Amino acid sequence: MNGDWSQPLSALRWHWGEAYVINCLRTGRWTAERRDTHEMLRDQTPLGLRDQIIADYAARKVSRSLPGQPG
């Protein structure tokens, strides 16, 4: 991780990367894949994706002890 906290992708990965695989495939296509069930969340903005992640995680927490998570 590059440590540039002003960048939305870095910020989302910093806060939620243990529970979700987060990507920006291109402008307007933000995704977060749950590490446990591999369900995909999608939004057009990083803030919209963050809101979806928060709601999803509040409804069903993702285990933080799954294999293959970043160290």
Protein backbone atom coordinates (compact mmCIF):
# COMPACT_ATOMS: atom_id res chain seq x y z
CA MET A 1 0.00 0.00 0.00
CA ASN A 2 1.35 3.40 -0.92
CA GLY A 3 0.23 5.23 2.24
CA ASP A 4 -1.46 8.06 0.33
CA TRP A 5 -4.52 8.33 2.57
CA SER A 6 -6.06 11.07 0.44
CA GLN A 7 -6.74 8.49 -2.25
CA PRO A 8 -10.15 6.79 -1.90
CA LEU A 9 -8.97 3.33 -3.00
CA SER A 10 -6.13 3.31 -0.48
CA ALA A 11 -8.45 4.53 2.26
CA LEU A 12 -11.09 1.87 1.54
CA ARG A 13 -8.47 -0.86 1.44
CA TRP A 14 -6.87 0.38 4.67
CA HIS A 15 -10.17 0.30 6.59
CA TRP A 16 -11.91 -2.68 4.97
CA GLY A 17 -9.23 -4.72 3.17
CA GLU A 18 -9.17 -7.53 5.73
CA ALA A 19 -12.84 -8.25 5.08
CA TYR A 20 -13.28 -7.23 1.41
CA VAL A 21 -11.26 -7.29 -1.81
CA ILE A 22 -11.69 -3.70 -3.00
CA ASN A 23 -11.01 -2.43 -6.51
CA CYS A 24 -11.69 0.46 -8.83
CA LEU A 25 -11.93 -1.09 -12.27
CA ARG A 26 -12.37 2.29 -13.95
CA THR A 27 -14.00 5.61 -13.16
CA GLY A 28 -17.51 4.90 -11.93
CA ARG A 29 -16.95 1.18 -11.29
CA TRP A 30 -16.01 0.50 -7.66
CA THR A 31 -16.28 -3.05 -6.29
CA ALA A 32 -15.89 -4.84 -2.97
CA GLU A 33 -15.93 -8.63 -2.77
CA ARG A 34 -16.61 -10.27 0.57
CA ARG A 35 -13.70 -12.54 1.51
CA ASP A 36 -16.01 -15.16 3.06
CA THR A 37 -18.89 -15.61 0.58
CA HIS A 38 -17.36 -13.78 -2.43
CA GLU A 39 -20.55 -11.74 -2.84
CA MET A 40 -19.89 -8.54 -4.75
CA LEU A 41 -20.88 -4.99 -3.84
CA ARG A 42 -20.77 -2.34 -6.58
CA ASP A 43 -21.15 1.41 -6.77
CA GLN A 44 -20.31 4.34 -9.02
CA THR A 45 -18.46 6.26 -6.29
CA PRO A 46 -16.03 5.37 -3.50
CA LEU A 47 -18.31 6.97 -0.89
CA GLY A 48 -21.27 4.98 -2.16
CA LEU A 49 -19.22 1.78 -1.98
CA ARG A 50 -18.07 2.67 1.54
CA ASP A 51 -21.70 3.09 2.61
CA GLN A 52 -22.58 -0.29 1.10
CA ILE A 53 -19.64 -1.95 2.85
CA ILE A 54 -20.65 -0.46 6.20
CA ALA A 55 -24.25 -1.63 5.79
CA ASP A 56 -23.19 -5.09 4.60
CA TYR A 57 -20.69 -5.53 7.41
CA ALA A 58 -23.20 -4.34 10.02
CA ALA A 59 -25.75 -6.86 8.76
CA ARG A 60 -23.29 -9.78 8.49
CA LYS A 61 -19.78 -9.43 9.84
CA VAL A 62 -17.00 -10.91 7.74
CA SER A 63 -14.60 -13.15 9.63
CA ARG A 64 -11.18 -11.51 9.85
CA SER A 65 -9.45 -14.91 10.19
CA LEU A 66 -9.95 -16.27 6.69
CA PRO A 67 -7.05 -17.81 4.76
CA GLY A 68 -5.45 -15.70 2.04
CA GLN A 69 -5.96 -12.35 3.73
CA PRO A 70 -3.32 -9.67 3.49
CA GLY A 71 -0.70 -9.83 6.21
